[in-house]
Amino acid sequence: MNPATAFLARVFGAGAIAIALALGISASAQACEVISKVQVTSGQISPRLDTRATAAEITERAESVRPGFADGITFVELGHNVELQPGQYEKGCRSIEVQVRLFASRADIYVARELAPDSCRWQAVMEHELRHLQISQRALDYGASMLRDELSSAKNKFSSRLSDFGSEGTLREFVSRATARALQVVSEKSRAGDATLDTDLEARRMDALCGGPSVLSLQYRPSPTALRN
C-alpha cells in the first residue's frame, strides 16, 4: 500500500482503499510516466595524437589482436549521457523528455616515435588510423539512430501504468538498457569494420604508397590504461 492509500485508510477506514484505487491513487499510477519527446545525438570524435610510444611497445599491444610488427594503433572508448527531464502531467502520468548522447570519451591515435612526421610511412599510418576513426564515427552515428528509433517507438508503450511492462521496470531502467544495447551494437560494428580494413590488401596498398615493403598498421582497442603515462 502506498502512502496516499494508507493515509486514506487510516483517516476514512478500509473502504477508502477502494475509492483510492478507483481514483487511480495506486503505486503503479504514481509511477506512471510517458515519453513526451526523444532526443538522441552522437558526438563528433576528436582524436588525440600520441607519438611517444616506440614501435616495439605498439607491437606488444597489438599482438593480442594480430601477431606481427605494428607501428600505429587507435583506441576509442565509448561514453554516454542520459537525462530525463520531467514535465507536466498528461492524463495522470508525468511526461518525460528523454535526452541521450553517445560519444567517444577517449580517442587516441598512437604512431611509433621512430617515424619522422614528414616521412611517407608516417603519413600512410596516419591515413590508415583516420580511416579507423571514420569507421568508429559511422558506428556511433548508427547506434544513435538505432536508439532514437527504439525510444521513439516506445512513446506509446509508457503511456499507461508501468506495472504493465514487467521486467523493464521504470522508464529510467528502460532507457538505460536500450542505451547499453545501442553501445554494444556500436562496439560490434566498429570491430567488424576494423577487421574489414586490416587486411593483407591494405598492407600492400600502404607498401605501394611508400614504394617499398612495410608492415600493416593495426587497429587496436587496448585496456583503458594501456600506453598511458
Protein backbone atom coordinates (compact mmCIF):
# COMPACT_ATOMS: atom_id res chain seq x y z
CA MET A 1 0.00 0.00 0.00
CA ASN A 2 1.44 3.36 -0.96
CA PRO A 3 1.46 6.38 1.42
CA ALA A 4 -1.55 8.08 -0.18
CA THR A 5 -3.71 4.95 0.06
CA ALA A 6 -2.51 4.22 3.60
CA PHE A 7 -3.39 7.75 4.70
CA LEU A 8 -6.93 7.44 3.34
CA ALA A 9 -7.32 4.07 5.05
CA ARG A 10 -6.25 5.47 8.44
CA VAL A 11 -8.48 8.53 8.21
CA PHE A 12 -11.57 7.22 6.47
CA GLY A 13 -11.39 3.49 7.03
CA ALA A 14 -10.67 0.46 4.88
CA GLY A 15 -13.43 1.36 2.45
CA ALA A 16 -11.37 4.31 1.31
CA ILE A 17 -8.90 1.91 -0.28
CA ALA A 18 -11.44 1.03 -2.93
CA ILE A 19 -12.08 4.72 -3.50
CA ALA A 20 -8.36 5.37 -3.80
CA LEU A 21 -7.94 2.61 -6.34
CA ALA A 22 -10.92 3.88 -8.30
CA LEU A 23 -9.33 7.31 -8.38
CA GLY A 24 -6.07 5.82 -9.63
CA ILE A 25 -4.13 6.50 -6.41
CA SER A 26 -2.01 3.35 -6.52
CA ALA A 27 1.70 2.58 -6.61
CA SER A 28 1.58 1.86 -10.32
CA ALA A 29 -0.35 5.05 -11.05
CA GLN A 30 2.10 7.20 -9.16
CA ALA A 31 4.96 5.58 -11.11
CA CYS A 32 3.25 6.19 -14.43
CA GLU A 33 5.47 8.01 -16.93
CA VAL A 34 5.04 8.86 -20.59
CA ILE A 35 7.80 9.83 -23.04
CA SER A 36 6.86 13.23 -24.43
CA LYS A 37 10.00 13.86 -26.50
CA VAL A 38 13.10 11.93 -27.55
CA GLN A 39 16.44 13.50 -28.42
CA VAL A 40 19.38 11.18 -29.20
CA THR A 41 22.63 12.57 -30.60
CA SER A 42 26.12 11.30 -31.35
CA GLY A 43 29.24 13.34 -30.72
CA GLN A 44 31.97 14.07 -33.22
CA ILE A 45 35.06 12.01 -32.44
CA SER A 46 38.10 14.22 -31.87
CA PRO A 47 41.29 12.16 -31.63
CA ARG A 48 44.43 12.85 -29.65
CA LEU A 49 47.73 12.06 -31.36
CA ASP A 50 50.44 10.39 -29.29
CA THR A 51 53.90 9.77 -30.76
CA ARG A 52 55.72 8.82 -27.56
CA ALA A 53 55.38 5.03 -27.81
CA THR A 54 58.01 3.01 -29.66
CA ALA A 55 57.15 0.59 -32.42
CA ALA A 56 58.10 -2.24 -30.06
CA GLU A 57 55.59 -1.02 -27.45
CA ILE A 58 52.87 -0.66 -30.06
CA THR A 59 53.64 -4.10 -31.44
CA GLU A 60 53.36 -5.62 -27.97
CA ARG A 61 49.91 -4.15 -27.53
CA ALA A 62 48.77 -5.16 -31.00
CA GLU A 63 49.90 -8.77 -30.79
CA SER A 64 46.84 -9.79 -28.77
CA VAL A 65 44.74 -8.93 -31.81
CA ARG A 66 47.01 -9.91 -34.65
CA PRO A 67 50.62 -11.12 -34.46
CA GLY A 68 53.35 -9.17 -36.19
CA PHE A 69 55.02 -5.81 -36.15
CA ALA A 70 52.84 -2.69 -35.97
CA ASP A 71 53.78 0.99 -35.95
CA GLY A 72 50.34 2.50 -35.32
CA ILE A 73 47.24 1.75 -33.28
CA THR A 74 43.99 3.51 -32.46
CA PHE A 75 41.93 3.37 -29.32
CA VAL A 76 38.33 4.54 -29.00
CA GLU A 77 36.46 4.34 -25.70
CA LEU A 78 32.71 4.87 -25.75
CA GLY A 79 30.73 7.02 -23.34
CA HIS A 80 27.16 8.15 -22.90
CA ASN A 81 24.99 10.59 -21.01
CA VAL A 82 21.31 10.09 -20.18
CA GLU A 83 18.99 12.80 -18.90
CA LEU A 84 15.30 12.50 -18.10
CA GLN A 85 13.65 15.89 -17.86
CA PRO A 86 10.24 15.77 -16.08
CA GLY A 87 7.43 17.86 -17.49
CA GLN A 88 3.72 18.30 -16.85
CA TYR A 89 1.24 15.53 -16.11
CA GLU A 90 -0.64 14.13 -19.08
CA LYS A 91 -3.71 12.00 -18.36
CA GLY A 92 -2.43 11.21 -14.89
CA CYS A 93 1.11 10.36 -15.98
CA ARG A 94 4.17 12.57 -15.73
CA SER A 95 5.57 13.46 -19.15
CA ILE A 96 9.30 12.87 -19.53
CA GLU A 97 11.69 14.29 -22.13
CA VAL A 98 14.44 11.76 -22.83
CA GLN A 99 17.85 13.09 -23.86
CA VAL A 100 20.69 10.70 -24.67
CA ARG A 101 24.12 11.50 -26.07
CA LEU A 102 26.56 8.86 -27.32
CA PHE A 103 30.17 9.91 -27.71
CA ALA A 104 33.80 8.83 -27.57
CA SER A 105 35.10 9.55 -24.10
CA ARG A 106 38.57 8.81 -25.36
CA ALA A 107 40.03 8.59 -28.88
CA ASP A 108 43.79 8.17 -29.18
CA ILE A 109 45.97 7.55 -32.22
CA TYR A 110 49.42 6.16 -31.48
CA VAL A 111 52.13 6.45 -34.15
CA ALA A 112 55.57 5.00 -33.49
CA ARG A 113 58.06 7.66 -32.47
CA GLU A 114 60.64 6.18 -34.84
CA LEU A 115 58.64 7.52 -37.79
CA ALA A 116 59.53 11.04 -38.89
CA PRO A 117 56.40 13.23 -39.22
CA ASP A 118 57.38 14.25 -42.74
CA SER A 119 58.01 10.67 -43.90
CA CYS A 120 55.83 8.76 -46.32
CA ARG A 121 55.31 5.96 -43.81
CA TRP A 122 54.15 8.36 -41.09
CA GLN A 123 51.57 9.83 -43.45
CA ALA A 124 50.44 6.36 -44.54
CA VAL A 125 49.98 5.24 -40.95
CA MET A 126 48.03 8.39 -40.07
CA GLU A 127 45.78 7.99 -43.09
CA HIS A 128 45.11 4.38 -42.09
CA GLU A 129 44.29 5.26 -38.49
CA LEU A 130 41.98 8.08 -39.54
CA ARG A 131 40.04 5.57 -41.60
CA HIS A 132 39.56 3.59 -38.39
CA LEU A 133 38.19 6.70 -36.73
CA GLN A 134 35.75 7.11 -39.61
CA ILE A 135 34.58 3.56 -39.01
CA SER A 136 34.04 4.36 -35.32
CA GLN A 137 32.19 7.57 -36.18
CA ARG A 138 29.84 5.79 -38.58
CA ALA A 139 29.17 3.11 -35.97
CA LEU A 140 28.48 5.77 -33.34
CA ASP A 141 26.06 7.59 -35.64
CA TYR A 142 24.34 4.31 -36.45
CA GLY A 143 23.96 3.46 -32.76
CA ALA A 144 22.42 6.85 -32.04
CA SER A 145 19.95 6.43 -34.90
CA MET A 146 19.02 2.94 -33.72
CA LEU A 147 18.50 4.14 -30.15
CA ARG A 148 16.45 7.11 -31.32
CA ASP A 149 14.13 4.79 -33.26
CA GLU A 150 13.75 2.41 -30.31
CA LEU A 151 12.94 5.15 -27.80
CA SER A 152 10.59 6.92 -30.20
CA SER A 153 8.66 3.71 -30.80
CA ALA A 154 8.35 3.30 -27.02
CA LYS A 155 6.44 6.56 -26.56
CA ASN A 156 3.08 4.81 -26.54
CA LYS A 157 4.45 1.92 -24.54
CA PHE A 158 4.79 4.07 -21.46
CA SER A 159 1.52 5.94 -21.87
CA SER A 160 -0.11 3.54 -19.39
CA ARG A 161 0.92 2.23 -15.99
CA LEU A 162 4.46 0.88 -15.71
CA SER A 163 3.25 -2.22 -13.89
CA ASP A 164 2.08 -3.49 -17.28
CA PHE A 165 5.67 -3.75 -18.56
CA GLY A 166 7.09 -6.44 -16.35
CA SER A 167 10.87 -6.74 -16.25
CA GLU A 168 11.53 -3.41 -17.96
CA GLY A 169 10.74 -1.68 -14.67
CA THR A 170 10.88 2.09 -14.60
CA LEU A 171 11.34 4.37 -17.57
CA ARG A 172 14.91 5.15 -16.50
CA GLU A 173 15.76 1.45 -16.42
CA PHE A 174 14.22 1.01 -19.86
CA VAL A 175 16.26 3.89 -21.30
CA SER A 176 19.45 2.65 -19.63
CA ARG A 177 19.02 -0.84 -21.06
CA ALA A 178 18.23 0.48 -24.50
CA THR A 179 21.33 2.70 -24.36
CA ALA A 180 23.51 -0.24 -23.31
CA ARG A 181 22.19 -2.26 -26.25
CA ALA A 182 22.96 0.59 -28.63
CA LEU A 183 26.52 0.92 -27.32
CA GLN A 184 27.03 -2.81 -27.75
CA VAL A 185 25.96 -2.50 -31.38
CA VAL A 186 28.36 0.43 -31.85
CA SER A 187 31.23 -1.65 -30.47
CA GLU A 188 30.39 -4.65 -32.64
CA LYS A 189 30.06 -2.59 -35.81
CA SER A 190 33.35 -0.82 -35.07
CA ARG A 191 35.20 -4.09 -34.62
CA ALA A 192 33.68 -5.57 -37.75
CA GLY A 193 34.71 -2.50 -39.74
CA ASP A 194 38.21 -2.58 -38.27
CA ALA A 195 38.62 -6.22 -39.29
CA THR A 196 37.49 -5.37 -42.82
CA LEU A 197 40.12 -2.63 -43.06
CA ASP A 198 43.05 -4.51 -41.50
CA THR A 199 43.76 -6.92 -44.35
CA ASP A 200 46.73 -8.06 -46.40
CA LEU A 201 45.34 -6.00 -49.26
CA GLU A 202 45.52 -2.88 -47.10
CA ALA A 203 49.09 -3.76 -46.12
CA ARG A 204 50.06 -3.99 -49.79
CA ARG A 205 48.33 -0.70 -50.51
CA MET A 206 50.32 1.01 -47.78
CA ASP A 207 53.51 -0.58 -49.11
CA ALA A 208 52.78 0.77 -52.56
CA LEU A 209 52.23 4.28 -51.23
CA CYS A 210 55.78 4.43 -49.91
CA GLY A 211 57.48 2.44 -52.64
CA GLY A 212 58.69 -0.44 -50.52
CA PRO A 213 57.72 -3.23 -48.12
CA SER A 214 56.40 -2.23 -44.73
CA VAL A 215 54.12 -3.64 -42.08
CA LEU A 216 50.40 -3.14 -41.65
CA SER A 217 49.43 -0.61 -39.01
CA LEU A 218 46.81 -2.28 -36.87
CA GLN A 219 43.66 -1.01 -35.28
CA TYR A 220 43.71 -2.00 -31.61
CA ARG A 221 41.50 -1.25 -28.64
CA PRO A 222 43.70 -1.67 -25.54
CA SER A 223 42.68 -1.53 -21.92
CA PRO A 224 41.92 1.99 -20.57
CA THR A 225 45.39 2.21 -19.01
CA ALA A 226 47.36 0.93 -21.99
CA LEU A 227 50.14 3.22 -23.22
CA ARG A 228 49.12 5.98 -20.81
CA ASN A 229 51.77 7.94 -18.93
